[in-house]
Amino acid sequence: IAQIDDSDIHVNGDYVGEGYGLFDDEVVNAVKLVARLEGLLIDPVYTGKAMTGLIDLIKSKAIAREKNVVFLHTGGATGLFAYKDKLLNSSHLSDAS
């Protein structure tokens, strides 16, 4: 059994964006990317912003690609319906890697 202490947990608020319910094309891209690659439906309000941050931290090498990361998906897939127009009409087409 793995032991986790406070020093193992890192909180980063750099990816919250402009406010609640407001998100940019990077978040849309992250939502579409994990849906396409992992079959994981995440909302753009909370989980999509967190995933955007995780993807960026890996791309910038702040988190090494070979590291094990636990991403807690707390739900919110139903939130996709409230933002379907913005998600479908985004200028990004989710082809980022």
PDB file of N, CA and C in Angstrom:
ATOM      1  N   ILE A   1       0.852  -1.186   0.000  1.00  0.00           N
ATOM      2  CA  ILE A   1       0.000   0.000   0.000  1.00  0.00           C
ATOM      3  C   ILE A   1       0.891   1.240   0.000  1.00  0.00           C
ATOM      4  N   ALA A   2       0.623   2.140  -0.921  1.00  0.00           N
ATOM      5  CA  ALA A   2       1.395   3.377  -1.024  1.00  0.00           C
ATOM      6  C   ALA A   2       1.023   4.324   0.102  1.00  0.00           C
ATOM      7  N   GLN A   3       2.011   5.010   0.605  1.00  0.00           N
ATOM      8  CA  GLN A   3       1.791   6.027   1.622  1.00  0.00           C
ATOM      9  C   GLN A   3       1.882   7.400   0.964  1.00  0.00           C
ATOM     10  N   ILE A   4       0.930   8.247   1.229  1.00  0.00           N
ATOM     11  CA  ILE A   4       0.910   9.597   0.672  1.00  0.00           C
ATOM     12  C   ILE A   4       0.879  10.579   1.832  1.00  0.00           C
ATOM     13  N   ASP A   5       1.788  11.545   1.784  1.00  0.00           N
ATOM     14  CA  ASP A   5       1.725  12.589   2.807  1.00  0.00           C
ATOM     15  C   ASP A   5       1.515  13.945   2.130  1.00  0.00           C
ATOM     16  N   ASP A   6       1.383  14.968   2.914  1.00  0.00           N
ATOM     17  CA  ASP A   6       1.060  16.304   2.388  1.00  0.00           C
ATOM     18  C   ASP A   6       2.052  16.784   1.330  1.00  0.00           C
ATOM     19  N   SER A   7       3.317  16.414   1.460  1.00  0.00           N
ATOM     20  CA  SER A   7       4.325  16.882   0.499  1.00  0.00           C
ATOM     21  C   SER A   7       4.155  16.231  -0.875  1.00  0.00           C
ATOM     22  N   ASP A   8       3.369  15.166  -0.966  1.00  0.00           N
ATOM     23  CA  ASP A   8       3.111  14.499  -2.245  1.00  0.00           C
ATOM     24  C   ASP A   8       1.988  15.159  -3.032  1.00  0.00           C
ATOM     25  N   ILE A   9       1.266  16.051  -2.414  1.00  0.00           N
ATOM     26  CA  ILE A   9       0.109  16.685  -3.047  1.00  0.00           C
ATOM     27  C   ILE A   9       0.482  18.100  -3.467  1.00  0.00           C
ATOM     28  N   HIS A  10       0.258  18.402  -4.745  1.00  0.00           N
ATOM     29  CA  HIS A  10       0.595  19.717  -5.288  1.00  0.00           C
ATOM     30  C   HIS A  10      -0.673  20.359  -5.848  1.00  0.00           C
ATOM     31  N   VAL A  11      -0.956  21.564  -5.418  1.00  0.00           N
ATOM     32  CA  VAL A  11      -2.124  22.307  -5.880  1.00  0.00           C
ATOM     33  C   VAL A  11      -1.627  23.488  -6.705  1.00  0.00           C
ATOM     34  N   ASN A  12      -2.200  23.658  -7.889  1.00  0.00           N
ATOM     35  CA  ASN A  12      -1.779  24.724  -8.791  1.00  0.00           C
ATOM     36  C   ASN A  12      -3.037  25.438  -9.290  1.00  0.00           C
ATOM     37  N   GLY A  13      -3.148  26.707  -8.999  1.00  0.00           N
ATOM     38  CA  GLY A  13      -4.320  27.479  -9.410  1.00  0.00           C
ATOM     39  C   GLY A  13      -4.115  28.295 -10.673  1.00  0.00           C
ATOM     40  N   ASP A  14      -3.069  27.988 -11.422  1.00  0.00           N
ATOM     41  CA  ASP A  14      -2.736  28.778 -12.602  1.00  0.00           C
ATOM     42  C   ASP A  14      -3.679  28.577 -13.790  1.00  0.00           C
ATOM     43  N   TYR A  15      -4.564  27.615 -13.723  1.00  0.00           N
ATOM     44  CA  TYR A  15      -5.375  27.275 -14.892  1.00  0.00           C
ATOM     45  C   TYR A  15      -6.868  27.492 -14.674  1.00  0.00           C
ATOM     46  N   VAL A  16      -7.243  28.326 -13.709  1.00  0.00           N
ATOM     47  CA  VAL A  16      -8.663  28.551 -13.429  1.00  0.00           C
ATOM     48  C   VAL A  16      -9.337  29.443 -14.467  1.00  0.00           C
ATOM     49  N   GLY A  17      -8.555  30.214 -15.202  1.00  0.00           N
ATOM     50  CA  GLY A  17      -9.120  31.040 -16.264  1.00  0.00           C
ATOM     51  C   GLY A  17      -9.779  32.302 -15.756  1.00  0.00           C
ATOM     52  N   GLU A  18     -10.713  32.810 -16.569  1.00  0.00           N
ATOM     53  CA  GLU A  18     -11.368  34.090 -16.304  1.00  0.00           C
ATOM     54  C   GLU A  18     -12.468  34.015 -15.249  1.00  0.00           C
ATOM     55  N   GLY A  19     -12.951  32.822 -14.957  1.00  0.00           N
ATOM     56  CA  GLY A  19     -13.999  32.693 -13.954  1.00  0.00           C
ATOM     57  C   GLY A  19     -14.867  31.478 -14.204  1.00  0.00           C
ATOM     58  N   TYR A  20     -15.843  31.313 -13.341  1.00  0.00           N
ATOM     59  CA  TYR A  20     -16.736  30.167 -13.411  1.00  0.00           C
ATOM     60  C   TYR A  20     -17.502  30.148 -14.736  1.00  0.00           C
ATOM     61  N   GLY A  21     -17.461  29.017 -15.403  1.00  0.00           N
ATOM     62  CA  GLY A  21     -18.207  28.847 -16.652  1.00  0.00           C
ATOM     63  C   GLY A  21     -17.553  29.503 -17.854  1.00  0.00           C
ATOM     64  N   LEU A  22     -16.425  30.168 -17.652  1.00  0.00           N
ATOM     65  CA  LEU A  22     -15.704  30.826 -18.741  1.00  0.00           C
ATOM     66  C   LEU A  22     -14.456  30.021 -19.043  1.00  0.00           C
ATOM     67  N   PHE A  23     -14.295  29.653 -20.310  1.00  0.00           N
ATOM     68  CA  PHE A  23     -13.139  28.851 -20.685  1.00  0.00           C
ATOM     69  C   PHE A  23     -12.732  29.185 -22.099  1.00  0.00           C
ATOM     70  N   ASP A  24     -11.490  28.863 -22.421  1.00  0.00           N
ATOM     71  CA  ASP A  24     -10.947  29.203 -23.730  1.00  0.00           C
ATOM     72  C   ASP A  24     -10.793  27.957 -24.602  1.00  0.00           C
ATOM     73  N   ASP A  25     -10.236  28.166 -25.776  1.00  0.00           N
ATOM     74  CA  ASP A  25     -10.073  27.061 -26.730  1.00  0.00           C
ATOM     75  C   ASP A  25      -9.124  25.980 -26.231  1.00  0.00           C
ATOM     76  N   GLU A  26      -8.173  26.339 -25.354  1.00  0.00           N
ATOM     77  CA  GLU A  26      -7.288  25.314 -24.799  1.00  0.00           C
ATOM     78  C   GLU A  26      -8.076  24.308 -23.970  1.00  0.00           C
ATOM     79  N   VAL A  27      -9.045  24.787 -23.221  1.00  0.00           N
ATOM     80  CA  VAL A  27      -9.885  23.897 -22.426  1.00  0.00           C
ATOM     81  C   VAL A  27     -10.741  23.027 -23.350  1.00  0.00           C
ATOM     82  N   VAL A  28     -11.322  23.639 -24.368  1.00  0.00           N
ATOM     83  CA  VAL A  28     -12.119  22.884 -25.339  1.00  0.00           C
ATOM     84  C   VAL A  28     -11.260  21.791 -25.962  1.00  0.00           C
ATOM     85  N   ASN A  29     -10.040  22.139 -26.315  1.00  0.00           N
ATOM     86  CA  ASN A  29      -9.134  21.180 -26.929  1.00  0.00           C
ATOM     87  C   ASN A  29      -8.845  20.021 -25.978  1.00  0.00           C
ATOM     88  N   ALA A  30      -8.616  20.315 -24.702  1.00  0.00           N
ATOM     89  CA  ALA A  30      -8.355  19.265 -23.715  1.00  0.00           C
ATOM     90  C   ALA A  30      -9.568  18.351 -23.558  1.00  0.00           C
ATOM     91  N   VAL A  31     -10.755  18.938 -23.504  1.00  0.00           N
ATOM     92  CA  VAL A  31     -11.990  18.142 -23.378  1.00  0.00           C
ATOM     93  C   VAL A  31     -12.124  17.186 -24.559  1.00  0.00           C
ATOM     94  N   LYS A  32     -11.908  17.702 -25.773  1.00  0.00           N
ATOM     95  CA  LYS A  32     -12.030  16.870 -26.974  1.00  0.00           C
ATOM     96  C   LYS A  32     -10.913  15.829 -27.061  1.00  0.00           C
ATOM     97  N   LEU A  33      -9.714  16.215 -26.654  1.00  0.00           N
ATOM     98  CA  LEU A  33      -8.575  15.302 -26.722  1.00  0.00           C
ATOM     99  C   LEU A  33      -8.766  14.080 -25.834  1.00  0.00           C
ATOM    100  N   VAL A  34      -9.150  14.291 -24.565  1.00  0.00           N
ATOM    101  CA  VAL A  34      -9.312  13.134 -23.680  1.00  0.00           C
ATOM    102  C   VAL A  34     -10.543  12.308 -24.058  1.00  0.00           C
ATOM    103  N   ALA A  35     -11.546  12.939 -24.649  1.00  0.00           N
ATOM    104  CA  ALA A  35     -12.699  12.168 -25.137  1.00  0.00           C
ATOM    105  C   ALA A  35     -12.268  11.256 -26.281  1.00  0.00           C
ATOM    106  N   ARG A  36     -11.479  11.819 -27.195  1.00  0.00           N
ATOM    107  CA  ARG A  36     -11.038  11.056 -28.361  1.00  0.00           C
ATOM    108  C   ARG A  36     -10.029   9.967 -27.995  1.00  0.00           C
ATOM    109  N   LEU A  37      -9.061  10.295 -27.156  1.00  0.00           N
ATOM    110  CA  LEU A  37      -7.983   9.349 -26.857  1.00  0.00           C
ATOM    111  C   LEU A  37      -8.299   8.368 -25.734  1.00  0.00           C
ATOM    112  N   GLU A  38      -9.094   8.803 -24.760  1.00  0.00           N
ATOM    113  CA  GLU A  38      -9.337   7.986 -23.579  1.00  0.00           C
ATOM    114  C   GLU A  38     -10.799   7.590 -23.373  1.00  0.00           C
ATOM    115  N   GLY A  39     -11.702   8.169 -24.158  1.00  0.00           N
ATOM    116  CA  GLY A  39     -13.116   7.890 -23.962  1.00  0.00           C
ATOM    117  C   GLY A  39     -13.633   8.467 -22.657  1.00  0.00           C
ATOM    118  N   LEU A  40     -12.978   9.503 -22.174  1.00  0.00           N
ATOM    119  CA  LEU A  40     -13.306  10.130 -20.900  1.00  0.00           C
ATOM    120  C   LEU A  40     -14.040  11.435 -21.165  1.00  0.00           C
ATOM    121  N   LEU A  41     -15.244  11.564 -20.643  1.00  0.00           N
ATOM    122  CA  LEU A  41     -16.042  12.779 -20.816  1.00  0.00           C
ATOM    123  C   LEU A  41     -15.839  13.680 -19.607  1.00  0.00           C
ATOM    124  N   ILE A  42     -15.280  14.858 -19.853  1.00  0.00           N
ATOM    125  CA  ILE A  42     -15.037  15.812 -18.774  1.00  0.00           C
ATOM    126  C   ILE A  42     -15.694  17.142 -19.121  1.00  0.00           C
ATOM    127  N   ASP A  43     -16.080  17.861 -18.083  1.00  0.00           N
ATOM    128  CA  ASP A  43     -16.741  19.149 -18.297  1.00  0.00           C
ATOM    129  C   ASP A  43     -15.699  20.244 -18.488  1.00  0.00           C
ATOM    130  N   PRO A  44     -16.062  21.336 -19.156  1.00  0.00           N
ATOM    131  CA  PRO A  44     -15.113  22.419 -19.379  1.00  0.00           C
ATOM    132  C   PRO A  44     -14.982  23.384 -18.198  1.00  0.00           C
ATOM    133  N   VAL A  45     -15.858  23.290 -17.224  1.00  0.00           N
ATOM    134  CA  VAL A  45     -15.876  24.265 -16.140  1.00  0.00           C
ATOM    135  C   VAL A  45     -14.819  23.953 -15.080  1.00  0.00           C
ATOM    136  N   TYR A  46     -14.727  22.717 -14.652  1.00  0.00           N
ATOM    137  CA  TYR A  46     -13.760  22.332 -13.625  1.00  0.00           C
ATOM    138  C   TYR A  46     -12.718  21.361 -14.176  1.00  0.00           C
ATOM    139  N   THR A  47     -13.168  20.171 -14.524  1.00  0.00           N
ATOM    140  CA  THR A  47     -12.250  19.103 -14.897  1.00  0.00           C
ATOM    141  C   THR A  47     -11.490  19.431 -16.176  1.00  0.00           C
ATOM    142  N   GLY A  48     -12.136  20.081 -17.127  1.00  0.00           N
ATOM    143  CA  GLY A  48     -11.446  20.466 -18.360  1.00  0.00           C
ATOM    144  C   GLY A  48     -10.310  21.443 -18.099  1.00  0.00           C
ATOM    145  N   LYS A  49     -10.519  22.369 -17.174  1.00  0.00           N
ATOM    146  CA  LYS A  49      -9.457  23.308 -16.816  1.00  0.00           C
ATOM    147  C   LYS A  49      -8.319  22.579 -16.119  1.00  0.00           C
ATOM    148  N   ALA A  50      -8.657  21.644 -15.240  1.00  0.00           N
ATOM    149  CA  ALA A  50      -7.620  20.866 -14.560  1.00  0.00           C
ATOM    150  C   ALA A  50      -6.832  20.020 -15.559  1.00  0.00           C
ATOM    151  N   MET A  51      -7.527  19.412 -16.520  1.00  0.00           N
ATOM    152  CA  MET A  51      -6.840  18.604 -17.532  1.00  0.00           C
ATOM    153  C   MET A  51      -5.971  19.484 -18.418  1.00  0.00           C
ATOM    154  N   THR A  52      -6.435  20.689 -18.741  1.00  0.00           N
ATOM    155  CA  THR A  52      -5.630  21.636 -19.513  1.00  0.00           C
ATOM    156  C   THR A  52      -4.324  21.910 -18.770  1.00  0.00           C
ATOM    157  N   GLY A  53      -4.423  22.110 -17.478  1.00  0.00           N
ATOM    158  CA  GLY A  53      -3.231  22.336 -16.667  1.00  0.00           C
ATOM    159  C   GLY A  53      -2.303  21.143 -16.664  1.00  0.00           C
ATOM    160  N   LEU A  54      -2.851  19.952 -16.503  1.00  0.00           N
ATOM    161  CA  LEU A  54      -2.025  18.741 -16.497  1.00  0.00           C
ATOM    162  C   LEU A  54      -1.301  18.570 -17.828  1.00  0.00           C
ATOM    163  N   ILE A  55      -2.017  18.743 -18.924  1.00  0.00           N
ATOM    164  CA  ILE A  55      -1.408  18.620 -20.256  1.00  0.00           C
ATOM    165  C   ILE A  55      -0.290  19.653 -20.413  1.00  0.00           C
ATOM    166  N   ASP A  56      -0.546  20.894 -20.000  1.00  0.00           N
ATOM    167  CA  ASP A  56       0.458  21.942 -20.121  1.00  0.00           C
ATOM    168  C   ASP A  56       1.682  21.651 -19.254  1.00  0.00           C
ATOM    169  N   LEU A  57       1.469  21.174 -18.047  1.00  0.00           N
ATOM    170  CA  LEU A  57       2.588  20.867 -17.155  1.00  0.00           C
ATOM    171  C   LEU A  57       3.448  19.728 -17.701  1.00  0.00           C
ATOM    172  N   ILE A  58       2.828  18.789 -18.383  1.00  0.00           N
ATOM    173  CA  ILE A  58       3.598  17.703 -19.008  1.00  0.00           C
ATOM    174  C   ILE A  58       4.337  18.226 -20.228  1.00  0.00           C
ATOM    175  N   LYS A  59       3.658  19.028 -21.064  1.00  0.00           N
ATOM    176  CA  LYS A  59       4.313  19.597 -22.253  1.00  0.00           C
ATOM    177  C   LYS A  59       5.495  20.483 -21.884  1.00  0.00           C
ATOM    178  N   SER A  60       5.364  21.244 -20.793  1.00  0.00           N
ATOM    179  CA  SER A  60       6.437  22.152 -20.373  1.00  0.00           C
ATOM    180  C   SER A  60       7.499  21.435 -19.543  1.00  0.00           C
ATOM    181  N   LYS A  61       7.312  20.138 -19.340  1.00  0.00           N
ATOM    182  CA  LYS A  61       8.248  19.287 -18.602  1.00  0.00           C
ATOM    183  C   LYS A  61       8.308  19.602 -17.111  1.00  0.00           C
ATOM    184  N   ALA A  62       7.307  20.335 -16.604  1.00  0.00           N
ATOM    185  CA  ALA A  62       7.207  20.534 -15.161  1.00  0.00           C
ATOM    186  C   ALA A  62       6.854  19.205 -14.494  1.00  0.00           C
ATOM    187  N   ILE A  63       6.164  18.357 -15.237  1.00  0.00           N
ATOM    188  CA  ILE A  63       5.907  16.974 -14.828  1.00  0.00           C
ATOM    189  C   ILE A  63       6.520  16.097 -15.907  1.00  0.00           C
ATOM    190  N   ALA A  64       7.413  15.221 -15.520  1.00  0.00           N
ATOM    191  CA  ALA A  64       8.069  14.334 -16.486  1.00  0.00           C
ATOM    192  C   ALA A  64       7.057  13.343 -17.059  1.00  0.00           C
ATOM    193  N   ARG A  65       7.179  13.079 -18.362  1.00  0.00           N
ATOM    194  CA  ARG A  65       6.257  12.159 -19.038  1.00  0.00           C
ATOM    195  C   ARG A  65       6.218  10.781 -18.395  1.00  0.00           C
ATOM    196  N   GLU A  66       7.341  10.337 -17.845  1.00  0.00           N
ATOM    197  CA  GLU A  66       7.399   8.983 -17.288  1.00  0.00           C
ATOM    198  C   GLU A  66       6.879   8.903 -15.845  1.00  0.00           C
ATOM    199  N   LYS A  67       6.510  10.032 -15.264  1.00  0.00           N
ATOM    200  CA  LYS A  67       5.985  10.040 -13.901  1.00  0.00           C
ATOM    201  C   LYS A  67       4.566   9.489 -13.857  1.00  0.00           C
ATOM    202  N   ASN A  68       4.244   8.869 -12.766  1.00  0.00           N
ATOM    203  CA  ASN A  68       2.874   8.429 -12.529  1.00  0.00           C
ATOM    204  C   ASN A  68       2.107   9.592 -11.908  1.00  0.00           C
ATOM    205  N   VAL A  69       0.949   9.884 -12.474  1.00  0.00           N
ATOM    206  CA  VAL A  69       0.118  10.988 -12.007  1.00  0.00           C
ATOM    207  C   VAL A  69      -1.278  10.448 -11.763  1.00  0.00           C
ATOM    208  N   VAL A  70      -1.860  10.829 -10.649  1.00  0.00           N
ATOM    209  CA  VAL A  70      -3.250  10.484 -10.379  1.00  0.00           C
ATOM    210  C   VAL A  70      -4.087  11.726 -10.671  1.00  0.00           C
ATOM    211  N   PHE A  71      -4.989  11.606 -11.624  1.00  0.00           N
ATOM    212  CA  PHE A  71      -5.883  12.704 -11.974  1.00  0.00           C
ATOM    213  C   PHE A  71      -7.258  12.336 -11.446  1.00  0.00           C
ATOM    214  N   LEU A  72      -7.777  13.120 -10.529  1.00  0.00           N
ATOM    215  CA  LEU A  72      -9.083  12.839  -9.943  1.00  0.00           C
ATOM    216  C   LEU A  72     -10.180  13.495 -10.763  1.00  0.00           C
ATOM    217  N   HIS A  73     -10.959  12.644 -11.407  1.00  0.00           N
ATOM    218  CA  HIS A  73     -12.098  13.118 -12.196  1.00  0.00           C
ATOM    219  C   HIS A  73     -13.311  13.031 -11.289  1.00  0.00           C
ATOM    220  N   THR A  74     -13.852  14.178 -10.929  1.00  0.00           N
ATOM    221  CA  THR A  74     -14.926  14.203  -9.940  1.00  0.00           C
ATOM    222  C   THR A  74     -16.315  14.291 -10.546  1.00  0.00           C
ATOM    223  N   GLY A  75     -16.409  14.048 -11.841  1.00  0.00           N
ATOM    224  CA  GLY A  75     -17.718  14.083 -12.483  1.00  0.00           C
ATOM    225  C   GLY A  75     -17.902  15.342 -13.293  1.00  0.00           C
ATOM    226  N   GLY A  76     -19.122  15.635 -13.625  1.00  0.00           N
ATOM    227  CA  GLY A  76     -19.409  16.841 -14.372  1.00  0.00           C
ATOM    228  C   GLY A  76     -19.674  16.621 -15.846  1.00  0.00           C
ATOM    229  N   ALA A  77     -19.662  15.365 -16.295  1.00  0.00           N
ATOM    230  CA  ALA A  77     -19.891  15.099 -17.718  1.00  0.00           C
ATOM    231  C   ALA A  77     -21.218  15.673 -18.193  1.00  0.00           C
ATOM    232  N   THR A  78     -22.204  15.734 -17.323  1.00  0.00           N
ATOM    233  CA  THR A  78     -23.492  16.304 -17.733  1.00  0.00           C
ATOM    234  C   THR A  78     -23.360  17.789 -18.038  1.00  0.00           C
ATOM    235  N   GLY A  79     -22.316  18.437 -17.519  1.00  0.00           N
ATOM    236  CA  GLY A  79     -22.059  19.835 -17.808  1.00  0.00           C
ATOM    237  C   GLY A  79     -21.717  20.093 -19.269  1.00  0.00           C
ATOM    238  N   LEU A  80     -21.354  19.042 -19.975  1.00  0.00           N
ATOM    239  CA  LEU A  80     -21.063  19.185 -21.404  1.00  0.00           C
ATOM    240  C   LEU A  80     -22.267  19.728 -22.159  1.00  0.00           C
ATOM    241  N   PHE A  81     -23.455  19.314 -21.769  1.00  0.00           N
ATOM    242  CA  PHE A  81     -24.671  19.717 -22.471  1.00  0.00           C
ATOM    243  C   PHE A  81     -24.931  21.217 -22.360  1.00  0.00           C
ATOM    244  N   ALA A  82     -24.587  21.803 -21.234  1.00  0.00           N
ATOM    245  CA  ALA A  82     -24.813  23.232 -21.038  1.00  0.00           C
ATOM    246  C   ALA A  82     -23.903  24.086 -21.926  1.00  0.00           C
ATOM    247  N   TYR A  83     -22.795  23.499 -22.369  1.00  0.00           N
ATOM    248  CA  TYR A  83     -21.811  24.250 -23.152  1.00  0.00           C
ATOM    249  C   TYR A  83     -21.619  23.663 -24.546  1.00  0.00           C
ATOM    250  N   LYS A  84     -22.589  22.903 -25.022  1.00  0.00           N
ATOM    251  CA  LYS A  84     -22.420  22.195 -26.297  1.00  0.00           C
ATOM    252  C   LYS A  84     -22.139  23.132 -27.466  1.00  0.00           C
ATOM    253  N   ASP A  85     -22.785  24.287 -27.517  1.00  0.00           N
ATOM    254  CA  ASP A  85     -22.557  25.199 -28.638  1.00  0.00           C
ATOM    255  C   ASP A  85     -21.116  25.689 -28.677  1.00  0.00           C
ATOM    256  N   LYS A  86     -20.589  26.085 -27.534  1.00  0.00           N
ATOM    257  CA  LYS A  86     -19.207  26.562 -27.492  1.00  0.00           C
ATOM    258  C   LYS A  86     -18.236  25.417 -27.781  1.00  0.00           C
ATOM    259  N   LEU A  87     -18.533  24.232 -27.294  1.00  0.00           N
ATOM    260  CA  LEU A  87     -17.645  23.087 -27.530  1.00  0.00           C
ATOM    261  C   LEU A  87     -17.656  22.679 -28.999  1.00  0.00           C
ATOM    262  N   LEU A  88     -18.802  22.717 -29.628  1.00  0.00           N
ATOM    263  CA  LEU A  88     -18.903  22.309 -31.026  1.00  0.00           C
ATOM    264  C   LEU A  88     -18.396  23.377 -31.988  1.00  0.00           C
ATOM    265  N   ASN A  89     -18.442  24.636 -31.588  1.00  0.00           N
ATOM    266  CA  ASN A  89     -18.064  25.731 -32.483  1.00  0.00           C
ATOM    267  C   ASN A  89     -16.699  26.323 -32.157  1.00  0.00           C
ATOM    268  N   SER A  90     -15.895  25.604 -31.423  1.00  0.00           N
ATOM    269  CA  SER A  90     -14.566  26.090 -31.053  1.00  0.00           C
ATOM    270  C   SER A  90     -13.685  26.226 -32.279  1.00  0.00           C
ATOM    271  N   SER A  91     -12.746  27.164 -32.231  1.00  0.00           N
ATOM    272  CA  SER A  91     -11.815  27.316 -33.345  1.00  0.00           C
ATOM    273  C   SER A  91     -10.745  26.226 -33.337  1.00  0.00           C
ATOM    274  N   HIS A  92     -10.566  25.545 -32.207  1.00  0.00           N
ATOM    275  CA  HIS A  92      -9.626  24.419 -32.150  1.00  0.00           C
ATOM    276  C   HIS A  92     -10.356  23.145 -32.542  1.00  0.00           C
ATOM    277  N   LEU A  93      -9.660  22.254 -33.173  1.00  0.00           N
ATOM    278  CA  LEU A  93     -10.276  21.015 -33.644  1.00  0.00           C
ATOM    279  C   LEU A  93      -9.778  19.799 -32.904  1.00  0.00           C
ATOM    280  N   SER A  94      -9.132  19.971 -31.754  1.00  0.00           N
ATOM    281  CA  SER A  94      -8.650  18.905 -30.879  1.00  0.00           C
ATOM    282  C   SER A  94      -7.607  18.016 -31.525  1.00  0.00           C
ATOM    283  N   ASP A  95      -6.791  18.554 -32.404  1.00  0.00           N
ATOM    284  CA  ASP A  95      -5.732  17.752 -33.021  1.00  0.00           C
ATOM    285  C   ASP A  95      -4.396  17.930 -32.327  1.00  0.00           C
ATOM    286  N   ALA A  96      -4.380  18.611 -31.180  1.00  0.00           N
ATOM    287  CA  ALA A  96      -3.124  18.785 -30.451  1.00  0.00           C
ATOM    288  C   ALA A  96      -2.706  17.472 -29.820  1.00  0.00           C
ATOM    289  N   SER A  97      -1.431  17.345 -29.600  1.00  0.00           N
ATOM    290  CA  SER A  97      -0.949  16.137 -28.922  1.00  0.00           C
ATOM    291  C   SER A  97      -0.286  16.498 -27.632  1.00  0.00           C
TER     292      SER A  97
END
